[in-house]
Amino acid sequence: MAWEMWRASRGTGRGPREALRSLPTLAFDLTVMRSHDRARSIRWGTRVGSQRDPFGAVLEALRLIYEEL
């Protein structure tokens, strides 16, 4: 939970204490963050894992990193 609080506060540009003060929306924020992480891991697993050659896997990983920006 502490790791998720740190990531949530960092992602919203607030400090951890400010994130704790917004308790009514904290559960929703953490749920959205967890679902985004899960979707990212599924996307990485299917795209990069399906590449047969190592060079194609590297290119696909770079493409996914570019999408995240």
PDB file of N, CA and C in Angstrom:
ATOM      1  N   MET A   1       0.817  -1.192   0.000  1.00  0.00           N
ATOM      2  CA  MET A   1       0.000   0.000   0.000  1.00  0.00           C
ATOM      3  C   MET A   1       0.863   1.259   0.000  1.00  0.00           C
ATOM      4  N   ALA A   2       1.992   1.226   0.713  1.00  0.00           N
ATOM      5  CA  ALA A   2       2.857   2.404   0.767  1.00  0.00           C
ATOM      6  C   ALA A   2       3.438   2.705  -0.613  1.00  0.00           C
ATOM      7  N   TRP A   3       3.816   1.658  -1.348  1.00  0.00           N
ATOM      8  CA  TRP A   3       4.351   1.846  -2.693  1.00  0.00           C
ATOM      9  C   TRP A   3       3.299   2.470  -3.605  1.00  0.00           C
ATOM     10  N   GLU A   4       2.066   2.013  -3.505  1.00  0.00           N
ATOM     11  CA  GLU A   4       0.997   2.562  -4.331  1.00  0.00           C
ATOM     12  C   GLU A   4       0.696   4.002  -3.948  1.00  0.00           C
ATOM     13  N   MET A   5       0.745   4.314  -2.669  1.00  0.00           N
ATOM     14  CA  MET A   5       0.530   5.701  -2.238  1.00  0.00           C
ATOM     15  C   MET A   5       1.615   6.613  -2.796  1.00  0.00           C
ATOM     16  N   TRP A   6       2.857   6.142  -2.773  1.00  0.00           N
ATOM     17  CA  TRP A   6       3.947   6.956  -3.284  1.00  0.00           C
ATOM     18  C   TRP A   6       3.761   7.192  -4.781  1.00  0.00           C
ATOM     19  N   ARG A   7       3.407   6.116  -5.526  1.00  0.00           N
ATOM     20  CA  ARG A   7       3.213   6.257  -6.962  1.00  0.00           C
ATOM     21  C   ARG A   7       2.024   7.143  -7.292  1.00  0.00           C
ATOM     22  N   ALA A   8       0.940   7.024  -6.544  1.00  0.00           N
ATOM     23  CA  ALA A   8      -0.236   7.851  -6.788  1.00  0.00           C
ATOM     24  C   ALA A   8       0.052   9.317  -6.520  1.00  0.00           C
ATOM     25  N   SER A   9       0.769   9.599  -5.452  1.00  0.00           N
ATOM     26  CA  SER A   9       1.091  10.992  -5.149  1.00  0.00           C
ATOM     27  C   SER A   9       2.078  11.552  -6.163  1.00  0.00           C
ATOM     28  N   ARG A  10       2.998  10.734  -6.598  1.00  0.00           N
ATOM     29  CA  ARG A  10       3.974  11.179  -7.605  1.00  0.00           C
ATOM     30  C   ARG A  10       3.299  11.421  -8.948  1.00  0.00           C
ATOM     31  N   GLY A  11       2.353  10.561  -9.311  1.00  0.00           N
ATOM     32  CA  GLY A  11       1.658  10.701 -10.583  1.00  0.00           C
ATOM     33  C   GLY A  11       0.753  11.917 -10.649  1.00  0.00           C
ATOM     34  N   THR A  12       0.222  12.339  -9.514  1.00  0.00           N
ATOM     35  CA  THR A  12      -0.665  13.502  -9.498  1.00  0.00           C
ATOM     36  C   THR A  12       0.062  14.779  -9.134  1.00  0.00           C
ATOM     37  N   GLY A  13       1.342  14.678  -8.824  1.00  0.00           N
ATOM     38  CA  GLY A  13       2.119  15.870  -8.497  1.00  0.00           C
ATOM     39  C   GLY A  13       1.875  16.372  -7.087  1.00  0.00           C
ATOM     40  N   ARG A  14       1.370  15.506  -6.225  1.00  0.00           N
ATOM     41  CA  ARG A  14       1.134  15.883  -4.833  1.00  0.00           C
ATOM     42  C   ARG A  14       2.097  15.114  -3.944  1.00  0.00           C
ATOM     43  N   GLY A  15       2.214  15.556  -2.727  1.00  0.00           N
ATOM     44  CA  GLY A  15       3.009  14.826  -1.762  1.00  0.00           C
ATOM     45  C   GLY A  15       2.180  13.713  -1.135  1.00  0.00           C
ATOM     46  N   PRO A  16       2.824  12.771  -0.468  1.00  0.00           N
ATOM     47  CA  PRO A  16       2.079  11.676   0.160  1.00  0.00           C
ATOM     48  C   PRO A  16       1.072  12.149   1.212  1.00  0.00           C
ATOM     49  N   ARG A  17       1.410  13.185   1.948  1.00  0.00           N
ATOM     50  CA  ARG A  17       0.465  13.701   2.946  1.00  0.00           C
ATOM     51  C   ARG A  17      -0.761  14.301   2.276  1.00  0.00           C
ATOM     52  N   GLU A  18      -0.567  15.004   1.176  1.00  0.00           N
ATOM     53  CA  GLU A  18      -1.714  15.566   0.449  1.00  0.00           C
ATOM     54  C   GLU A  18      -2.574  14.463  -0.142  1.00  0.00           C
ATOM     55  N   ALA A  19      -1.948  13.386  -0.585  1.00  0.00           N
ATOM     56  CA  ALA A  19      -2.719  12.263  -1.120  1.00  0.00           C
ATOM     57  C   ALA A  19      -3.548  11.610  -0.025  1.00  0.00           C
ATOM     58  N   LEU A  20      -3.024  11.535   1.180  1.00  0.00           N
ATOM     59  CA  LEU A  20      -3.794  10.976   2.296  1.00  0.00           C
ATOM     60  C   LEU A  20      -4.962  11.868   2.688  1.00  0.00           C
ATOM     61  N   ARG A  21      -4.816  13.160   2.489  1.00  0.00           N
ATOM     62  CA  ARG A  21      -5.909  14.082   2.822  1.00  0.00           C
ATOM     63  C   ARG A  21      -7.092  13.924   1.876  1.00  0.00           C
ATOM     64  N   SER A  22      -6.847  13.424   0.680  1.00  0.00           N
ATOM     65  CA  SER A  22      -7.931  13.245  -0.285  1.00  0.00           C
ATOM     66  C   SER A  22      -8.479  11.824  -0.198  1.00  0.00           C
ATOM     67  N   LEU A  23      -8.795  11.385   1.003  1.00  0.00           N
ATOM     68  CA  LEU A  23      -9.260  10.016   1.225  1.00  0.00           C
ATOM     69  C   LEU A  23     -10.539   9.663   0.461  1.00  0.00           C
ATOM     70  N   PRO A  24     -11.480  10.574   0.248  1.00  0.00           N
ATOM     71  CA  PRO A  24     -12.672  10.172  -0.501  1.00  0.00           C
ATOM     72  C   PRO A  24     -12.356   9.696  -1.920  1.00  0.00           C
ATOM     73  N   THR A  25     -11.357  10.246  -2.561  1.00  0.00           N
ATOM     74  CA  THR A  25     -11.030   9.839  -3.925  1.00  0.00           C
ATOM     75  C   THR A  25      -9.837   8.900  -3.994  1.00  0.00           C
ATOM     76  N   LEU A  26      -9.217   8.613  -2.857  1.00  0.00           N
ATOM     77  CA  LEU A  26      -8.016   7.791  -2.847  1.00  0.00           C
ATOM     78  C   LEU A  26      -8.279   6.376  -3.354  1.00  0.00           C
ATOM     79  N   ALA A  27      -9.356   5.762  -2.926  1.00  0.00           N
ATOM     80  CA  ALA A  27      -9.661   4.393  -3.366  1.00  0.00           C
ATOM     81  C   ALA A  27      -9.878   4.354  -4.876  1.00  0.00           C
ATOM     82  N   PHE A  28     -10.572   5.333  -5.412  1.00  0.00           N
ATOM     83  CA  PHE A  28     -10.790   5.387  -6.860  1.00  0.00           C
ATOM     84  C   PHE A  28      -9.481   5.593  -7.593  1.00  0.00           C
ATOM     85  N   ASP A  29      -8.642   6.502  -7.103  1.00  0.00           N
ATOM     86  CA  ASP A  29      -7.358   6.762  -7.744  1.00  0.00           C
ATOM     87  C   ASP A  29      -6.484   5.512  -7.771  1.00  0.00           C
ATOM     88  N   LEU A  30      -6.449   4.785  -6.659  1.00  0.00           N
ATOM     89  CA  LEU A  30      -5.638   3.575  -6.605  1.00  0.00           C
ATOM     90  C   LEU A  30      -6.201   2.482  -7.505  1.00  0.00           C
ATOM     91  N   THR A  31      -7.522   2.392  -7.612  1.00  0.00           N
ATOM     92  CA  THR A  31      -8.134   1.407  -8.503  1.00  0.00           C
ATOM     93  C   THR A  31      -7.809   1.701  -9.955  1.00  0.00           C
ATOM     94  N   VAL A  32      -7.871   2.954 -10.337  1.00  0.00           N
ATOM     95  CA  VAL A  32      -7.526   3.341 -11.713  1.00  0.00           C
ATOM     96  C   VAL A  32      -6.063   3.051 -11.987  1.00  0.00           C
ATOM     97  N   MET A  33      -5.197   3.341 -11.032  1.00  0.00           N
ATOM     98  CA  MET A  33      -3.772   3.089 -11.212  1.00  0.00           C
ATOM     99  C   MET A  33      -3.497   1.588 -11.358  1.00  0.00           C
ATOM    100  N   ARG A  34      -4.154   0.772 -10.533  1.00  0.00           N
ATOM    101  CA  ARG A  34      -3.961  -0.679 -10.624  1.00  0.00           C
ATOM    102  C   ARG A  34      -4.455  -1.227 -11.957  1.00  0.00           C
ATOM    103  N   SER A  35      -5.596  -0.738 -12.435  1.00  0.00           N
ATOM    104  CA  SER A  35      -6.108  -1.239 -13.714  1.00  0.00           C
ATOM    105  C   SER A  35      -5.218  -0.799 -14.868  1.00  0.00           C
ATOM    106  N   HIS A  36      -4.660   0.391 -14.780  1.00  0.00           N
ATOM    107  CA  HIS A  36      -3.725   0.843 -15.817  1.00  0.00           C
ATOM    108  C   HIS A  36      -2.471  -0.025 -15.819  1.00  0.00           C
ATOM    109  N   ASP A  37      -1.967  -0.350 -14.637  1.00  0.00           N
ATOM    110  CA  ASP A  37      -0.790  -1.223 -14.538  1.00  0.00           C
ATOM    111  C   ASP A  37      -1.075  -2.613 -15.098  1.00  0.00           C
ATOM    112  N   ARG A  38      -2.251  -3.134 -14.812  1.00  0.00           N
ATOM    113  CA  ARG A  38      -2.613  -4.462 -15.311  1.00  0.00           C
ATOM    114  C   ARG A  38      -2.739  -4.450 -16.834  1.00  0.00           C
ATOM    115  N   ALA A  39      -3.364  -3.417 -17.385  1.00  0.00           N
ATOM    116  CA  ALA A  39      -3.492  -3.321 -18.840  1.00  0.00           C
ATOM    117  C   ALA A  39      -2.118  -3.198 -19.491  1.00  0.00           C
ATOM    118  N   ARG A  40      -1.223  -2.457 -18.865  1.00  0.00           N
ATOM    119  CA  ARG A  40       0.128  -2.317 -19.401  1.00  0.00           C
ATOM    120  C   ARG A  40       0.859  -3.652 -19.393  1.00  0.00           C
ATOM    121  N   SER A  41       0.735  -4.410 -18.315  1.00  0.00           N
ATOM    122  CA  SER A  41       1.438  -5.693 -18.258  1.00  0.00           C
ATOM    123  C   SER A  41       0.859  -6.681 -19.271  1.00  0.00           C
ATOM    124  N   ILE A  42      -0.440  -6.657 -19.494  1.00  0.00           N
ATOM    125  CA  ILE A  42      -1.038  -7.517 -20.513  1.00  0.00           C
ATOM    126  C   ILE A  42      -0.542  -7.121 -21.897  1.00  0.00           C
ATOM    127  N   ARG A  43      -0.515  -5.820 -22.162  1.00  0.00           N
ATOM    128  CA  ARG A  43      -0.062  -5.326 -23.467  1.00  0.00           C
ATOM    129  C   ARG A  43       1.401  -5.710 -23.710  1.00  0.00           C
ATOM    130  N   TRP A  44       2.250  -5.553 -22.699  1.00  0.00           N
ATOM    131  CA  TRP A  44       3.658  -5.925 -22.840  1.00  0.00           C
ATOM    132  C   TRP A  44       3.803  -7.422 -23.051  1.00  0.00           C
ATOM    133  N   GLY A  45       3.035  -8.200 -22.303  1.00  0.00           N
ATOM    134  CA  GLY A  45       3.151  -9.653 -22.414  1.00  0.00           C
ATOM    135  C   GLY A  45       2.724 -10.177 -23.765  1.00  0.00           C
ATOM    136  N   THR A  46       1.659  -9.619 -24.308  1.00  0.00           N
ATOM    137  CA  THR A  46       1.185 -10.126 -25.598  1.00  0.00           C
ATOM    138  C   THR A  46       2.021  -9.605 -26.760  1.00  0.00           C
ATOM    139  N   ARG A  47       2.419  -8.364 -26.716  1.00  0.00           N
ATOM    140  CA  ARG A  47       3.160  -7.810 -27.853  1.00  0.00           C
ATOM    141  C   ARG A  47       4.620  -8.237 -27.876  1.00  0.00           C
ATOM    142  N   VAL A  48       5.302  -8.063 -26.757  1.00  0.00           N
ATOM    143  CA  VAL A  48       6.729  -8.376 -26.726  1.00  0.00           C
ATOM    144  C   VAL A  48       6.932  -9.886 -26.657  1.00  0.00           C
ATOM    145  N   GLY A  49       6.090 -10.584 -25.938  1.00  0.00           N
ATOM    146  CA  GLY A  49       6.228 -12.024 -25.812  1.00  0.00           C
ATOM    147  C   GLY A  49       5.931 -12.782 -27.089  1.00  0.00           C
ATOM    148  N   SER A  50       5.175 -12.180 -27.989  1.00  0.00           N
ATOM    149  CA  SER A  50       4.821 -12.870 -29.233  1.00  0.00           C
ATOM    150  C   SER A  50       5.889 -12.719 -30.315  1.00  0.00           C
ATOM    151  N   GLN A  51       6.889 -11.890 -30.090  1.00  0.00           N
ATOM    152  CA  GLN A  51       7.947 -11.695 -31.083  1.00  0.00           C
ATOM    153  C   GLN A  51       8.887 -12.888 -31.075  1.00  0.00           C
ATOM    154  N   ARG A  52       9.210 -13.398 -32.255  1.00  0.00           N
ATOM    155  CA  ARG A  52      10.077 -14.572 -32.350  1.00  0.00           C
ATOM    156  C   ARG A  52      11.560 -14.196 -32.346  1.00  0.00           C
ATOM    157  N   ASP A  53      11.906 -13.091 -32.946  1.00  0.00           N
ATOM    158  CA  ASP A  53      13.313 -12.710 -32.973  1.00  0.00           C
ATOM    159  C   ASP A  53      13.584 -11.635 -31.916  1.00  0.00           C
ATOM    160  N   PRO A  54      14.778 -11.615 -31.348  1.00  0.00           N
ATOM    161  CA  PRO A  54      15.096 -10.645 -30.293  1.00  0.00           C
ATOM    162  C   PRO A  54      15.047  -9.202 -30.786  1.00  0.00           C
ATOM    163  N   PHE A  55      15.442  -8.969 -32.032  1.00  0.00           N
ATOM    164  CA  PHE A  55      15.426  -7.605 -32.552  1.00  0.00           C
ATOM    165  C   PHE A  55      13.999  -7.092 -32.668  1.00  0.00           C
ATOM    166  N   GLY A  56      13.084  -7.952 -33.083  1.00  0.00           N
ATOM    167  CA  GLY A  56      11.674  -7.562 -33.160  1.00  0.00           C
ATOM    168  C   GLY A  56      11.099  -7.266 -31.778  1.00  0.00           C
ATOM    169  N   ALA A  57      11.533  -8.018 -30.767  1.00  0.00           N
ATOM    170  CA  ALA A  57      11.074  -7.773 -29.404  1.00  0.00           C
ATOM    171  C   ALA A  57      11.573  -6.419 -28.900  1.00  0.00           C
ATOM    172  N   VAL A  58      12.811  -6.080 -29.251  1.00  0.00           N
ATOM    173  CA  VAL A  58      13.357  -4.781 -28.848  1.00  0.00           C
ATOM    174  C   VAL A  58      12.598  -3.654 -29.529  1.00  0.00           C
ATOM    175  N   LEU A  59      12.323  -3.797 -30.809  1.00  0.00           N
ATOM    176  CA  LEU A  59      11.570  -2.760 -31.521  1.00  0.00           C
ATOM    177  C   LEU A  59      10.160  -2.603 -30.956  1.00  0.00           C
ATOM    178  N   GLU A  60       9.535  -3.711 -30.636  1.00  0.00           N
ATOM    179  CA  GLU A  60       8.186  -3.652 -30.067  1.00  0.00           C
ATOM    180  C   GLU A  60       8.214  -3.024 -28.675  1.00  0.00           C
ATOM    181  N   ALA A  61       9.240  -3.324 -27.892  1.00  0.00           N
ATOM    182  CA  ALA A  61       9.371  -2.705 -26.565  1.00  0.00           C
ATOM    183  C   ALA A  61       9.567  -1.202 -26.693  1.00  0.00           C
ATOM    184  N   LEU A  62      10.364  -0.764 -27.634  1.00  0.00           N
ATOM    185  CA  LEU A  62      10.542   0.670 -27.864  1.00  0.00           C
ATOM    186  C   LEU A  62       9.248   1.329 -28.314  1.00  0.00           C
ATOM    187  N   ARG A  63       8.496   0.641 -29.145  1.00  0.00           N
ATOM    188  CA  ARG A  63       7.214   1.168 -29.607  1.00  0.00           C
ATOM    189  C   ARG A  63       6.244   1.334 -28.423  1.00  0.00           C
ATOM    190  N   LEU A  64       6.233   0.365 -27.517  1.00  0.00           N
ATOM    191  CA  LEU A  64       5.361   0.461 -26.344  1.00  0.00           C
ATOM    192  C   LEU A  64       5.804   1.570 -25.396  1.00  0.00           C
ATOM    193  N   ILE A  65       7.102   1.737 -25.240  1.00  0.00           N
ATOM    194  CA  ILE A  65       7.607   2.827 -24.400  1.00  0.00           C
ATOM    195  C   ILE A  65       7.208   4.170 -24.996  1.00  0.00           C
ATOM    196  N   TYR A  66       7.280   4.293 -26.315  1.00  0.00           N
ATOM    197  CA  TYR A  66       6.902   5.537 -26.978  1.00  0.00           C
ATOM    198  C   TYR A  66       5.409   5.828 -26.771  1.00  0.00           C
ATOM    199  N   GLU A  67       4.567   4.778 -26.779  1.00  0.00           N
ATOM    200  CA  GLU A  67       3.136   4.964 -26.541  1.00  0.00           C
ATOM    201  C   GLU A  67       2.870   5.472 -25.136  1.00  0.00           C
ATOM    202  N   GLU A  68       3.694   5.075 -24.180  1.00  0.00           N
ATOM    203  CA  GLU A  68       3.496   5.501 -22.796  1.00  0.00           C
ATOM    204  C   GLU A  68       3.790   6.973 -22.601  1.00  0.00           C
ATOM    205  N   LEU A  69       4.656   7.517 -23.430  1.00  0.00           N
ATOM    206  CA  LEU A  69       5.015   8.941 -23.263  1.00  0.00           C
ATOM    207  C   LEU A  69       3.886   9.748 -23.726  1.00  0.00           C
TER     208      LEU A  69
END
